[in-house]
Amino acid sequence: MASSSRMLVVVVVAALVAVAWSAPPPVSITVEKGPDAKHLVLQIKYDKVGDSMKEVELKQNEDWLPLKKGYSGAWEIKSDTPLKGPFSFRYETQKGQRNVFDDIVPTDFKCGTTYKPEAY
């Protein structure tokens, strides 16, 4: 019985370590003022030493649209039609970390506001 209890403890600890190890680092998205409703500018903070964002996409309706990283470090998207929230984002980092955040920026977003996934 004692060995079964120890084995259970080992399995639980291993599972907790695996979840903590694979959990994505904190991400925050600050909406900056774009020139118009068809242009969205975002500062995306990704806190993981030695890694950085490689690719970011925004979900508009059912389509995933790529954002481009500007010279200032901000991620931008320009659309033919006005962009309306809520916005979902997915990303991939230089080291292959991937994640999707659904409806992280609400419909009534405000420029200058920072949004974080609920998991953080």
PDB file of N, CA and C in Angstrom:
ATOM      1  N   MET A   1       0.815  -1.190   0.000  1.00  0.00           N
ATOM      2  CA  MET A   1       0.000   0.000   0.000  1.00  0.00           C
ATOM      3  C   MET A   1       0.864   1.261   0.000  1.00  0.00           C
ATOM      4  N   ALA A   2       1.953   1.245   0.788  1.00  0.00           N
ATOM      5  CA  ALA A   2       2.814   2.419   0.871  1.00  0.00           C
ATOM      6  C   ALA A   2       3.445   2.729  -0.479  1.00  0.00           C
ATOM      7  N   SER A   3       3.836   1.692  -1.224  1.00  0.00           N
ATOM      8  CA  SER A   3       4.451   1.933  -2.530  1.00  0.00           C
ATOM      9  C   SER A   3       3.433   2.499  -3.514  1.00  0.00           C
ATOM     10  N   SER A   4       2.175   2.105  -3.419  1.00  0.00           N
ATOM     11  CA  SER A   4       1.120   2.664  -4.277  1.00  0.00           C
ATOM     12  C   SER A   4       0.918   4.143  -3.976  1.00  0.00           C
ATOM     13  N   SER A   5       0.959   4.514  -2.719  1.00  0.00           N
ATOM     14  CA  SER A   5       0.797   5.916  -2.324  1.00  0.00           C
ATOM     15  C   SER A   5       1.961   6.753  -2.839  1.00  0.00           C
ATOM     16  N   ARG A   6       3.177   6.206  -2.716  1.00  0.00           N
ATOM     17  CA  ARG A   6       4.351   6.931  -3.224  1.00  0.00           C
ATOM     18  C   ARG A   6       4.274   7.098  -4.733  1.00  0.00           C
ATOM     19  N   MET A   7       3.847   6.038  -5.399  1.00  0.00           N
ATOM     20  CA  MET A   7       3.730   6.101  -6.855  1.00  0.00           C
ATOM     21  C   MET A   7       2.706   7.158  -7.264  1.00  0.00           C
ATOM     22  N   LEU A   8       1.591   7.235  -6.562  1.00  0.00           N
ATOM     23  CA  LEU A   8       0.570   8.228  -6.844  1.00  0.00           C
ATOM     24  C   LEU A   8       1.123   9.638  -6.649  1.00  0.00           C
ATOM     25  N   VAL A   9       1.881   9.854  -5.585  1.00  0.00           N
ATOM     26  CA  VAL A   9       2.493  11.154  -5.326  1.00  0.00           C
ATOM     27  C   VAL A   9       3.448  11.516  -6.457  1.00  0.00           C
ATOM     28  N   VAL A  10       4.259  10.570  -6.884  1.00  0.00           N
ATOM     29  CA  VAL A  10       5.212  10.811  -7.970  1.00  0.00           C
ATOM     30  C   VAL A  10       4.473  11.195  -9.251  1.00  0.00           C
ATOM     31  N   VAL A  11       3.395  10.497  -9.567  1.00  0.00           N
ATOM     32  CA  VAL A  11       2.626  10.780 -10.787  1.00  0.00           C
ATOM     33  C   VAL A  11       1.999  12.170 -10.711  1.00  0.00           C
ATOM     34  N   VAL A  12       1.420  12.515  -9.570  1.00  0.00           N
ATOM     35  CA  VAL A  12       0.793  13.828  -9.405  1.00  0.00           C
ATOM     36  C   VAL A  12       1.832  14.943  -9.526  1.00  0.00           C
ATOM     37  N   VAL A  13       2.970  14.788  -8.881  1.00  0.00           N
ATOM     38  CA  VAL A  13       4.029  15.798  -8.964  1.00  0.00           C
ATOM     39  C   VAL A  13       4.527  15.923 -10.398  1.00  0.00           C
ATOM     40  N   ALA A  14       4.719  14.804 -11.084  1.00  0.00           N
ATOM     41  CA  ALA A  14       5.165  14.842 -12.483  1.00  0.00           C
ATOM     42  C   ALA A  14       4.152  15.564 -13.360  1.00  0.00           C
ATOM     43  N   ALA A  15       2.874  15.329 -13.127  1.00  0.00           N
ATOM     44  CA  ALA A  15       1.831  16.003 -13.909  1.00  0.00           C
ATOM     45  C   ALA A  15       1.842  17.506 -13.655  1.00  0.00           C
ATOM     46  N   LEU A  16       2.004  17.910 -12.407  1.00  0.00           N
ATOM     47  CA  LEU A  16       2.056  19.335 -12.083  1.00  0.00           C
ATOM     48  C   LEU A  16       3.263  20.013 -12.716  1.00  0.00           C
ATOM     49  N   VAL A  17       4.400  19.350 -12.689  1.00  0.00           N
ATOM     50  CA  VAL A  17       5.611  19.889 -13.311  1.00  0.00           C
ATOM     51  C   VAL A  17       5.416  20.008 -14.817  1.00  0.00           C
ATOM     52  N   ALA A  18       4.827  19.000 -15.436  1.00  0.00           N
ATOM     53  CA  ALA A  18       4.607  19.036 -16.888  1.00  0.00           C
ATOM     54  C   ALA A  18       3.685  20.183 -17.268  1.00  0.00           C
ATOM     55  N   VAL A  19       2.636  20.420 -16.507  1.00  0.00           N
ATOM     56  CA  VAL A  19       1.715  21.521 -16.799  1.00  0.00           C
ATOM     57  C   VAL A  19       2.417  22.853 -16.617  1.00  0.00           C
ATOM     58  N   ALA A  20       3.158  23.018 -15.524  1.00  0.00           N
ATOM     59  CA  ALA A  20       3.862  24.280 -15.277  1.00  0.00           C
ATOM     60  C   ALA A  20       4.928  24.527 -16.334  1.00  0.00           C
ATOM     61  N   TRP A  21       5.596  23.477 -16.763  1.00  0.00           N
ATOM     62  CA  TRP A  21       6.658  23.599 -17.760  1.00  0.00           C
ATOM     63  C   TRP A  21       6.101  24.035 -19.106  1.00  0.00           C
ATOM     64  N   SER A  22       4.931  23.523 -19.480  1.00  0.00           N
ATOM     65  CA  SER A  22       4.377  23.819 -20.797  1.00  0.00           C
ATOM     66  C   SER A  22       3.445  25.025 -20.805  1.00  0.00           C
ATOM     67  N   ALA A  23       3.154  25.606 -19.636  1.00  0.00           N
ATOM     68  CA  ALA A  23       2.268  26.764 -19.580  1.00  0.00           C
ATOM     69  C   ALA A  23       2.919  27.938 -20.309  1.00  0.00           C
ATOM     70  N   PRO A  24       2.139  28.656 -21.087  1.00  0.00           N
ATOM     71  CA  PRO A  24       2.707  29.786 -21.821  1.00  0.00           C
ATOM     72  C   PRO A  24       3.080  30.913 -20.858  1.00  0.00           C
ATOM     73  N   PRO A  25       4.101  31.681 -21.194  1.00  0.00           N
ATOM     74  CA  PRO A  25       4.467  32.812 -20.353  1.00  0.00           C
ATOM     75  C   PRO A  25       3.410  33.910 -20.474  1.00  0.00           C
ATOM     76  N   PRO A  26       3.388  34.827 -19.526  1.00  0.00           N
ATOM     77  CA  PRO A  26       2.399  35.904 -19.580  1.00  0.00           C
ATOM     78  C   PRO A  26       2.516  36.750 -20.843  1.00  0.00           C
ATOM     79  N   VAL A  27       1.369  37.062 -21.396  1.00  0.00           N
ATOM     80  CA  VAL A  27       1.272  37.902 -22.582  1.00  0.00           C
ATOM     81  C   VAL A  27       0.288  39.016 -22.263  1.00  0.00           C
ATOM     82  N   SER A  28       0.604  40.231 -22.693  1.00  0.00           N
ATOM     83  CA  SER A  28      -0.348  41.328 -22.565  1.00  0.00           C
ATOM     84  C   SER A  28      -0.385  42.093 -23.883  1.00  0.00           C
ATOM     85  N   ILE A  29      -1.547  42.625 -24.198  1.00  0.00           N
ATOM     86  CA  ILE A  29      -1.757  43.332 -25.456  1.00  0.00           C
ATOM     87  C   ILE A  29      -2.299  44.719 -25.138  1.00  0.00           C
ATOM     88  N   THR A  30      -1.570  45.750 -25.571  1.00  0.00           N
ATOM     89  CA  THR A  30      -2.017  47.127 -25.392  1.00  0.00           C
ATOM     90  C   THR A  30      -2.459  47.670 -26.746  1.00  0.00           C
ATOM     91  N   VAL A  31      -3.687  48.160 -26.802  1.00  0.00           N
ATOM     92  CA  VAL A  31      -4.231  48.718 -28.040  1.00  0.00           C
ATOM     93  C   VAL A  31      -3.779  50.172 -28.138  1.00  0.00           C
ATOM     94  N   GLU A  32      -3.108  50.492 -29.236  1.00  0.00           N
ATOM     95  CA  GLU A  32      -2.686  51.866 -29.483  1.00  0.00           C
ATOM     96  C   GLU A  32      -3.594  52.485 -30.535  1.00  0.00           C
ATOM     97  N   LYS A  33      -3.581  53.772 -30.611  1.00  0.00           N
ATOM     98  CA  LYS A  33      -4.445  54.465 -31.560  1.00  0.00           C
ATOM     99  C   LYS A  33      -3.894  54.320 -32.976  1.00  0.00           C
ATOM    100  N   GLY A  34      -4.698  53.753 -33.850  1.00  0.00           N
ATOM    101  CA  GLY A  34      -4.366  53.686 -35.263  1.00  0.00           C
ATOM    102  C   GLY A  34      -4.959  54.909 -35.958  1.00  0.00           C
ATOM    103  N   PRO A  35      -4.587  55.144 -37.201  1.00  0.00           N
ATOM    104  CA  PRO A  35      -5.089  56.325 -37.898  1.00  0.00           C
ATOM    105  C   PRO A  35      -6.598  56.276 -38.199  1.00  0.00           C
ATOM    106  N   ASP A  36      -7.164  55.055 -38.270  1.00  0.00           N
ATOM    107  CA  ASP A  36      -8.595  54.943 -38.543  1.00  0.00           C
ATOM    108  C   ASP A  36      -9.095  53.561 -38.125  1.00  0.00           C
ATOM    109  N   ALA A  37     -10.384  53.298 -38.341  1.00  0.00           N
ATOM    110  CA  ALA A  37     -11.004  52.039 -37.889  1.00  0.00           C
ATOM    111  C   ALA A  37     -10.549  50.818 -38.688  1.00  0.00           C
ATOM    112  N   LYS A  38      -9.831  51.039 -39.770  1.00  0.00           N
ATOM    113  CA  LYS A  38      -9.344  49.926 -40.593  1.00  0.00           C
ATOM    114  C   LYS A  38      -7.892  49.568 -40.271  1.00  0.00           C
ATOM    115  N   HIS A  39      -7.322  50.241 -39.290  1.00  0.00           N
ATOM    116  CA  HIS A  39      -5.899  50.078 -38.962  1.00  0.00           C
ATOM    117  C   HIS A  39      -5.779  49.922 -37.449  1.00  0.00           C
ATOM    118  N   LEU A  40      -5.305  48.765 -37.016  1.00  0.00           N
ATOM    119  CA  LEU A  40      -5.158  48.473 -35.598  1.00  0.00           C
ATOM    120  C   LEU A  40      -3.677  48.340 -35.272  1.00  0.00           C
ATOM    121  N   VAL A  41      -3.246  49.004 -34.201  1.00  0.00           N
ATOM    122  CA  VAL A  41      -1.851  48.973 -33.769  1.00  0.00           C
ATOM    123  C   VAL A  41      -1.817  48.416 -32.343  1.00  0.00           C
ATOM    124  N   LEU A  42      -0.968  47.420 -32.123  1.00  0.00           N
ATOM    125  CA  LEU A  42      -0.898  46.736 -30.830  1.00  0.00           C
ATOM    126  C   LEU A  42       0.537  46.630 -30.343  1.00  0.00           C
ATOM    127  N   GLN A  43       0.736  46.901 -29.061  1.00  0.00           N
ATOM    128  CA  GLN A  43       1.998  46.581 -28.408  1.00  0.00           C
ATOM    129  C   GLN A  43       1.763  45.255 -27.693  1.00  0.00           C
ATOM    130  N   ILE A  44       2.528  44.252 -28.052  1.00  0.00           N
ATOM    131  CA  ILE A  44       2.356  42.931 -27.450  1.00  0.00           C
ATOM    132  C   ILE A  44       3.580  42.630 -26.602  1.00  0.00           C
ATOM    133  N   LYS A  45       3.346  42.445 -25.317  1.00  0.00           N
ATOM    134  CA  LYS A  45       4.428  42.139 -24.387  1.00  0.00           C
ATOM    135  C   LYS A  45       4.424  40.635 -24.136  1.00  0.00           C
ATOM    136  N   TYR A  46       5.558  40.025 -24.385  1.00  0.00           N
ATOM    137  CA  TYR A  46       5.723  38.581 -24.223  1.00  0.00           C
ATOM    138  C   TYR A  46       6.900  38.377 -23.285  1.00  0.00           C
ATOM    139  N   ASP A  47       6.636  37.904 -22.077  1.00  0.00           N
ATOM    140  CA  ASP A  47       7.670  37.795 -21.048  1.00  0.00           C
ATOM    141  C   ASP A  47       8.276  36.405 -20.968  1.00  0.00           C
ATOM    142  N   LYS A  48       9.209  36.149 -21.850  1.00  0.00           N
ATOM    143  CA  LYS A  48       9.980  34.921 -21.740  1.00  0.00           C
ATOM    144  C   LYS A  48      11.396  35.232 -22.222  1.00  0.00           C
ATOM    145  N   VAL A  49      12.324  35.117 -21.318  1.00  0.00           N
ATOM    146  CA  VAL A  49      13.719  35.435 -21.618  1.00  0.00           C
ATOM    147  C   VAL A  49      14.222  34.528 -22.737  1.00  0.00           C
ATOM    148  N   GLY A  50      14.893  35.122 -23.715  1.00  0.00           N
ATOM    149  CA  GLY A  50      15.499  34.354 -24.791  1.00  0.00           C
ATOM    150  C   GLY A  50      14.544  33.937 -25.888  1.00  0.00           C
ATOM    151  N   ASP A  51      13.319  34.464 -25.880  1.00  0.00           N
ATOM    152  CA  ASP A  51      12.342  34.128 -26.922  1.00  0.00           C
ATOM    153  C   ASP A  51      11.594  35.399 -27.293  1.00  0.00           C
ATOM    154  N   SER A  52      11.032  35.421 -28.483  1.00  0.00           N
ATOM    155  CA  SER A  52      10.264  36.582 -28.925  1.00  0.00           C
ATOM    156  C   SER A  52       9.202  36.136 -29.923  1.00  0.00           C
ATOM    157  N   MET A  53       8.249  37.000 -30.149  1.00  0.00           N
ATOM    158  CA  MET A  53       7.163  36.718 -31.088  1.00  0.00           C
ATOM    159  C   MET A  53       7.718  36.647 -32.514  1.00  0.00           C
ATOM    160  N   LYS A  54       7.315  35.619 -33.217  1.00  0.00           N
ATOM    161  CA  LYS A  54       7.700  35.469 -34.615  1.00  0.00           C
ATOM    162  C   LYS A  54       6.525  35.796 -35.528  1.00  0.00           C
ATOM    163  N   GLU A  55       5.331  35.394 -35.101  1.00  0.00           N
ATOM    164  CA  GLU A  55       4.145  35.538 -35.934  1.00  0.00           C
ATOM    165  C   GLU A  55       2.933  35.781 -35.043  1.00  0.00           C
ATOM    166  N   VAL A  56       2.090  36.750 -35.429  1.00  0.00           N
ATOM    167  CA  VAL A  56       0.866  37.049 -34.692  1.00  0.00           C
ATOM    168  C   VAL A  56      -0.256  37.196 -35.700  1.00  0.00           C
ATOM    169  N   GLU A  57      -1.407  36.610 -35.372  1.00  0.00           N
ATOM    170  CA  GLU A  57      -2.584  36.722 -36.225  1.00  0.00           C
ATOM    171  C   GLU A  57      -3.789  37.144 -35.388  1.00  0.00           C
ATOM    172  N   LEU A  58      -4.693  37.870 -36.029  1.00  0.00           N
ATOM    173  CA  LEU A  58      -5.918  38.343 -35.400  1.00  0.00           C
ATOM    174  C   LEU A  58      -7.096  37.675 -36.096  1.00  0.00           C
ATOM    175  N   LYS A  59      -8.080  37.261 -35.323  1.00  0.00           N
ATOM    176  CA  LYS A  59      -9.266  36.638 -35.903  1.00  0.00           C
ATOM    177  C   LYS A  59     -10.339  37.699 -36.092  1.00  0.00           C
ATOM    178  N   GLN A  60     -10.719  37.916 -37.344  1.00  0.00           N
ATOM    179  CA  GLN A  60     -11.779  38.854 -37.704  1.00  0.00           C
ATOM    180  C   GLN A  60     -12.858  38.033 -38.390  1.00  0.00           C
ATOM    181  N   ASN A  61     -14.037  37.982 -37.783  1.00  0.00           N
ATOM    182  CA  ASN A  61     -15.107  37.076 -38.211  1.00  0.00           C
ATOM    183  C   ASN A  61     -14.584  35.654 -38.071  1.00  0.00           C
ATOM    184  N   GLU A  62     -14.442  34.925 -39.149  1.00  0.00           N
ATOM    185  CA  GLU A  62     -13.910  33.557 -39.062  1.00  0.00           C
ATOM    186  C   GLU A  62     -12.524  33.429 -39.689  1.00  0.00           C
ATOM    187  N   ASP A  63     -11.960  34.551 -40.119  1.00  0.00           N
ATOM    188  CA  ASP A  63     -10.670  34.523 -40.810  1.00  0.00           C
ATOM    189  C   ASP A  63      -9.532  34.952 -39.889  1.00  0.00           C
ATOM    190  N   TRP A  64      -8.392  34.254 -40.000  1.00  0.00           N
ATOM    191  CA  TRP A  64      -7.184  34.641 -39.285  1.00  0.00           C
ATOM    192  C   TRP A  64      -6.372  35.534 -40.214  1.00  0.00           C
ATOM    193  N   LEU A  65      -6.081  36.745 -39.768  1.00  0.00           N
ATOM    194  CA  LEU A  65      -5.362  37.734 -40.565  1.00  0.00           C
ATOM    195  C   LEU A  65      -3.995  38.006 -39.943  1.00  0.00           C
ATOM    196  N   PRO A  66      -2.934  38.004 -40.746  1.00  0.00           N
ATOM    197  CA  PRO A  66      -1.594  38.213 -40.188  1.00  0.00           C
ATOM    198  C   PRO A  66      -1.359  39.675 -39.812  1.00  0.00           C
ATOM    199  N   LEU A  67      -0.648  39.875 -38.706  1.00  0.00           N
ATOM    200  CA  LEU A  67      -0.195  41.203 -38.320  1.00  0.00           C
ATOM    201  C   LEU A  67       1.248  41.343 -38.758  1.00  0.00           C
ATOM    202  N   LYS A  68       1.655  42.570 -39.023  1.00  0.00           N
ATOM    203  CA  LYS A  68       3.041  42.834 -39.398  1.00  0.00           C
ATOM    204  C   LYS A  68       3.704  43.631 -38.275  1.00  0.00           C
ATOM    205  N   LYS A  69       4.947  43.280 -38.009  1.00  0.00           N
ATOM    206  CA  LYS A  69       5.680  43.994 -36.965  1.00  0.00           C
ATOM    207  C   LYS A  69       6.320  45.230 -37.576  1.00  0.00           C
ATOM    208  N   GLY A  70       6.004  46.393 -37.001  1.00  0.00           N
ATOM    209  CA  GLY A  70       6.543  47.654 -37.497  1.00  0.00           C
ATOM    210  C   GLY A  70       7.913  47.959 -36.917  1.00  0.00           C
ATOM    211  N   TYR A  71       8.508  49.034 -37.404  1.00  0.00           N
ATOM    212  CA  TYR A  71       9.842  49.424 -36.953  1.00  0.00           C
ATOM    213  C   TYR A  71       9.860  49.794 -35.476  1.00  0.00           C
ATOM    214  N   SER A  72       8.732  50.263 -34.951  1.00  0.00           N
ATOM    215  CA  SER A  72       8.662  50.648 -33.542  1.00  0.00           C
ATOM    216  C   SER A  72       8.495  49.447 -32.612  1.00  0.00           C
ATOM    217  N   GLY A  73       8.310  48.266 -33.199  1.00  0.00           N
ATOM    218  CA  GLY A  73       8.086  47.065 -32.403  1.00  0.00           C
ATOM    219  C   GLY A  73       6.614  46.745 -32.218  1.00  0.00           C
ATOM    220  N   ALA A  74       5.746  47.655 -32.653  1.00  0.00           N
ATOM    221  CA  ALA A  74       4.307  47.420 -32.558  1.00  0.00           C
ATOM    222  C   ALA A  74       3.859  46.489 -33.684  1.00  0.00           C
ATOM    223  N   TRP A  75       2.825  45.712 -33.407  1.00  0.00           N
ATOM    224  CA  TRP A  75       2.232  44.834 -34.408  1.00  0.00           C
ATOM    225  C   TRP A  75       1.037  45.568 -35.009  1.00  0.00           C
ATOM    226  N   GLU A  76       0.909  45.532 -36.339  1.00  0.00           N
ATOM    227  CA  GLU A  76      -0.136  46.297 -37.015  1.00  0.00           C
ATOM    228  C   GLU A  76      -0.894  45.441 -38.014  1.00  0.00           C
ATOM    229  N   ILE A  77      -2.144  45.835 -38.205  1.00  0.00           N
ATOM    230  CA  ILE A  77      -2.948  45.217 -39.246  1.00  0.00           C
ATOM    231  C   ILE A  77      -3.753  46.315 -39.919  1.00  0.00           C
ATOM    232  N   LYS A  78      -3.787  46.255 -41.246  1.00  0.00           N
ATOM    233  CA  LYS A  78      -4.597  47.172 -42.044  1.00  0.00           C
ATOM    234  C   LYS A  78      -5.595  46.322 -42.808  1.00  0.00           C
ATOM    235  N   SER A  79      -6.841  46.761 -42.813  1.00  0.00           N
ATOM    236  CA  SER A  79      -7.915  45.991 -43.426  1.00  0.00           C
ATOM    237  C   SER A  79      -8.663  46.849 -44.443  1.00  0.00           C
ATOM    238  N   ASP A  80      -9.340  46.194 -45.373  1.00  0.00           N
ATOM    239  CA  ASP A  80     -10.178  46.916 -46.331  1.00  0.00           C
ATOM    240  C   ASP A  80     -11.488  47.372 -45.699  1.00  0.00           C
ATOM    241  N   THR A  81     -11.863  46.725 -44.601  1.00  0.00           N
ATOM    242  CA  THR A  81     -13.101  47.049 -43.899  1.00  0.00           C
ATOM    243  C   THR A  81     -12.774  47.390 -42.446  1.00  0.00           C
ATOM    244  N   PRO A  82     -13.644  48.125 -41.762  1.00  0.00           N
ATOM    245  CA  PRO A  82     -13.380  48.448 -40.358  1.00  0.00           C
ATOM    246  C   PRO A  82     -13.216  47.186 -39.510  1.00  0.00           C
ATOM    247  N   LEU A  83     -12.249  47.225 -38.616  1.00  0.00           N
ATOM    248  CA  LEU A  83     -11.993  46.109 -37.709  1.00  0.00           C
ATOM    249  C   LEU A  83     -12.866  46.284 -36.470  1.00  0.00           C
ATOM    250  N   LYS A  84     -13.600  45.237 -36.131  1.00  0.00           N
ATOM    251  CA  LYS A  84     -14.517  45.295 -34.995  1.00  0.00           C
ATOM    252  C   LYS A  84     -14.229  44.124 -34.060  1.00  0.00           C
ATOM    253  N   GLY A  85     -14.135  44.428 -32.764  1.00  0.00           N
ATOM    254  CA  GLY A  85     -13.917  43.384 -31.767  1.00  0.00           C
ATOM    255  C   GLY A  85     -15.181  42.594 -31.531  1.00  0.00           C
ATOM    256  N   PRO A  86     -15.128  41.583 -30.710  1.00  0.00           N
ATOM    257  CA  PRO A  86     -13.945  41.196 -29.931  1.00  0.00           C
ATOM    258  C   PRO A  86     -12.891  40.548 -30.823  1.00  0.00           C
ATOM    259  N   PHE A  87     -11.646  40.659 -30.384  1.00  0.00           N
ATOM    260  CA  PHE A  87     -10.539  40.113 -31.149  1.00  0.00           C
ATOM    261  C   PHE A  87      -9.917  38.918 -30.435  1.00  0.00           C
ATOM    262  N   SER A  88      -9.678  37.881 -31.197  1.00  0.00           N
ATOM    263  CA  SER A  88      -8.913  36.730 -30.731  1.00  0.00           C
ATOM    264  C   SER A  88      -7.552  36.803 -31.407  1.00  0.00           C
ATOM    265  N   PHE A  89      -6.535  36.299 -30.736  1.00  0.00           N
ATOM    266  CA  PHE A  89      -5.179  36.307 -31.279  1.00  0.00           C
ATOM    267  C   PHE A  89      -4.566  34.931 -31.145  1.00  0.00           C
ATOM    268  N   ARG A  90      -3.701  34.618 -32.095  1.00  0.00           N
ATOM    269  CA  ARG A  90      -2.854  33.431 -31.954  1.00  0.00           C
ATOM    270  C   ARG A  90      -1.443  33.852 -32.347  1.00  0.00           C
ATOM    271  N   TYR A  91      -0.479  33.169 -31.760  1.00  0.00           N
ATOM    272  CA  TYR A  91       0.904  33.536 -32.018  1.00  0.00           C
ATOM    273  C   TYR A  91       1.798  32.313 -32.039  1.00  0.00           C
ATOM    274  N   GLU A  92       2.976  32.531 -32.602  1.00  0.00           N
ATOM    275  CA  GLU A  92       4.069  31.560 -32.537  1.00  0.00           C
ATOM    276  C   GLU A  92       5.336  32.348 -32.241  1.00  0.00           C
ATOM    277  N   THR A  93       6.178  31.790 -31.369  1.00  0.00           N
ATOM    278  CA  THR A  93       7.423  32.462 -31.018  1.00  0.00           C
ATOM    279  C   THR A  93       8.582  31.874 -31.826  1.00  0.00           C
ATOM    280  N   GLN A  94       9.722  32.522 -31.707  1.00  0.00           N
ATOM    281  CA  GLN A  94      10.929  32.047 -32.386  1.00  0.00           C
ATOM    282  C   GLN A  94      11.289  30.624 -31.968  1.00  0.00           C
ATOM    283  N   LYS A  95      10.976  30.256 -30.724  1.00  0.00           N
ATOM    284  CA  LYS A  95      11.304  28.917 -30.224  1.00  0.00           C
ATOM    285  C   LYS A  95      10.149  27.929 -30.357  1.00  0.00           C
ATOM    286  N   GLY A  96       9.087  28.309 -31.075  1.00  0.00           N
ATOM    287  CA  GLY A  96       8.021  27.365 -31.376  1.00  0.00           C
ATOM    288  C   GLY A  96       6.854  27.326 -30.404  1.00  0.00           C
ATOM    289  N   GLN A  97       6.834  28.192 -29.381  1.00  0.00           N
ATOM    290  CA  GLN A  97       5.687  28.258 -28.466  1.00  0.00           C
ATOM    291  C   GLN A  97       4.498  28.803 -29.248  1.00  0.00           C
ATOM    292  N   ARG A  98       3.354  28.139 -29.143  1.00  0.00           N
ATOM    293  CA  ARG A  98       2.139  28.585 -29.834  1.00  0.00           C
ATOM    294  C   ARG A  98       1.007  28.679 -28.832  1.00  0.00           C
ATOM    295  N   ASN A  99       0.112  29.645 -29.096  1.00  0.00           N
ATOM    296  CA  ASN A  99      -1.037  29.771 -28.227  1.00  0.00           C
ATOM    297  C   ASN A  99      -2.123  30.562 -28.946  1.00  0.00           C
ATOM    298  N   VAL A 100      -3.350  30.389 -28.477  1.00  0.00           N
ATOM    299  CA  VAL A 100      -4.501  31.124 -28.989  1.00  0.00           C
ATOM    300  C   VAL A 100      -5.207  31.746 -27.796  1.00  0.00           C
ATOM    301  N   PHE A 101      -5.534  33.020 -27.905  1.00  0.00           N
ATOM    302  CA  PHE A 101      -6.299  33.708 -26.875  1.00  0.00           C
ATOM    303  C   PHE A 101      -7.602  34.178 -27.506  1.00  0.00           C
ATOM    304  N   ASP A 102      -8.707  33.593 -27.083  1.00  0.00           N
ATOM    305  CA  ASP A 102     -10.014  33.933 -27.635  1.00  0.00           C
ATOM    306  C   ASP A 102     -10.582  35.179 -26.963  1.00  0.00           C
ATOM    307  N   ASP A 103     -11.081  36.091 -27.795  1.00  0.00           N
ATOM    308  CA  ASP A 103     -11.793  37.288 -27.334  1.00  0.00           C
ATOM    309  C   ASP A 103     -11.047  38.043 -26.239  1.00  0.00           C
ATOM    310  N   ILE A 104      -9.734  38.176 -26.383  1.00  0.00           N
ATOM    311  CA  ILE A 104      -8.932  38.863 -25.368  1.00  0.00           C
ATOM    312  C   ILE A 104      -9.174  40.374 -25.383  1.00  0.00           C
ATOM    313  N   VAL A 105      -9.433  40.945 -26.570  1.00  0.00           N
ATOM    314  CA  VAL A 105      -9.741  42.373 -26.680  1.00  0.00           C
ATOM    315  C   VAL A 105     -11.238  42.485 -26.959  1.00  0.00           C
ATOM    316  N   PRO A 106     -11.981  43.141 -26.066  1.00  0.00           N
ATOM    317  CA  PRO A 106     -13.443  43.176 -26.188  1.00  0.00           C
ATOM    318  C   PRO A 106     -13.944  44.094 -27.298  1.00  0.00           C
ATOM    319  N   THR A 107     -15.222  43.992 -27.581  1.00  0.00           N
ATOM    320  CA  THR A 107     -15.866  44.819 -28.606  1.00  0.00           C
ATOM    321  C   THR A 107     -15.690  46.302 -28.306  1.00  0.00           C
ATOM    322  N   ASP A 108     -15.840  46.670 -27.060  1.00  0.00           N
ATOM    323  CA  ASP A 108     -15.774  48.081 -26.665  1.00  0.00           C
ATOM    324  C   ASP A 108     -14.376  48.466 -26.161  1.00  0.00           C
ATOM    325  N   PHE A 109     -13.330  47.977 -26.843  1.00  0.00           N
ATOM    326  CA  PHE A 109     -11.963  48.252 -26.407  1.00  0.00           C
ATOM    327  C   PHE A 109     -11.665  49.755 -26.437  1.00  0.00           C
ATOM    328  N   LYS A 110     -10.715  50.140 -25.615  1.00  0.00           N
ATOM    329  CA  LYS A 110     -10.283  51.532 -25.536  1.00  0.00           C
ATOM    330  C   LYS A 110      -8.798  51.605 -25.857  1.00  0.00           C
ATOM    331  N   CYS A 111      -8.414  52.580 -26.664  1.00  0.00           N
ATOM    332  CA  CYS A 111      -7.000  52.785 -26.968  1.00  0.00           C
ATOM    333  C   CYS A 111      -6.268  53.123 -25.677  1.00  0.00           C
ATOM    334  N   GLY A 112      -5.072  52.576 -25.536  1.00  0.00           N
ATOM    335  CA  GLY A 112      -4.269  52.792 -24.350  1.00  0.00           C
ATOM    336  C   GLY A 112      -4.520  51.767 -23.258  1.00  0.00           C
ATOM    337  N   THR A 113      -5.516  50.907 -23.452  1.00  0.00           N
ATOM    338  CA  THR A 113      -5.818  49.893 -22.456  1.00  0.00           C
ATOM    339  C   THR A 113      -5.024  48.626 -22.744  1.00  0.00           C
ATOM    340  N   THR A 114      -4.556  47.988 -21.671  1.00  0.00           N
ATOM    341  CA  THR A 114      -3.825  46.732 -21.791  1.00  0.00           C
ATOM    342  C   THR A 114      -4.756  45.587 -21.399  1.00  0.00           C
ATOM    343  N   TYR A 115      -4.783  44.564 -22.242  1.00  0.00           N
ATOM    344  CA  TYR A 115      -5.625  43.391 -22.010  1.00  0.00           C
ATOM    345  C   TYR A 115      -4.727  42.185 -21.819  1.00  0.00           C
ATOM    346  N   LYS A 116      -5.137  41.317 -20.885  1.00  0.00           N
ATOM    347  CA  LYS A 116      -4.394  40.086 -20.606  1.00  0.00           C
ATOM    348  C   LYS A 116      -5.354  38.916 -20.684  1.00  0.00           C
ATOM    349  N   PRO A 117      -4.862  37.748 -21.094  1.00  0.00           N
ATOM    350  CA  PRO A 117      -5.706  36.560 -21.082  1.00  0.00           C
ATOM    351  C   PRO A 117      -6.197  36.279 -19.662  1.00  0.00           C
ATOM    352  N   GLU A 118      -7.387  35.738 -19.539  1.00  0.00           N
ATOM    353  CA  GLU A 118      -7.955  35.447 -18.228  1.00  0.00           C
ATOM    354  C   GLU A 118      -7.125  34.455 -17.427  1.00  0.00           C
ATOM    355  N   ALA A 119      -6.376  33.591 -18.103  1.00  0.00           N
ATOM    356  CA  ALA A 119      -5.582  32.576 -17.405  1.00  0.00           C
ATOM    357  C   ALA A 119      -4.501  33.209 -16.546  1.00  0.00           C
ATOM    358  N   TYR A 120      -4.143  34.444 -16.800  1.00  0.00           N
ATOM    359  CA  TYR A 120      -3.089  35.100 -16.029  1.00  0.00           C
ATOM    360  C   TYR A 120      -3.720  36.020 -15.057  1.00  0.00           C
TER     361      TYR A 120
END
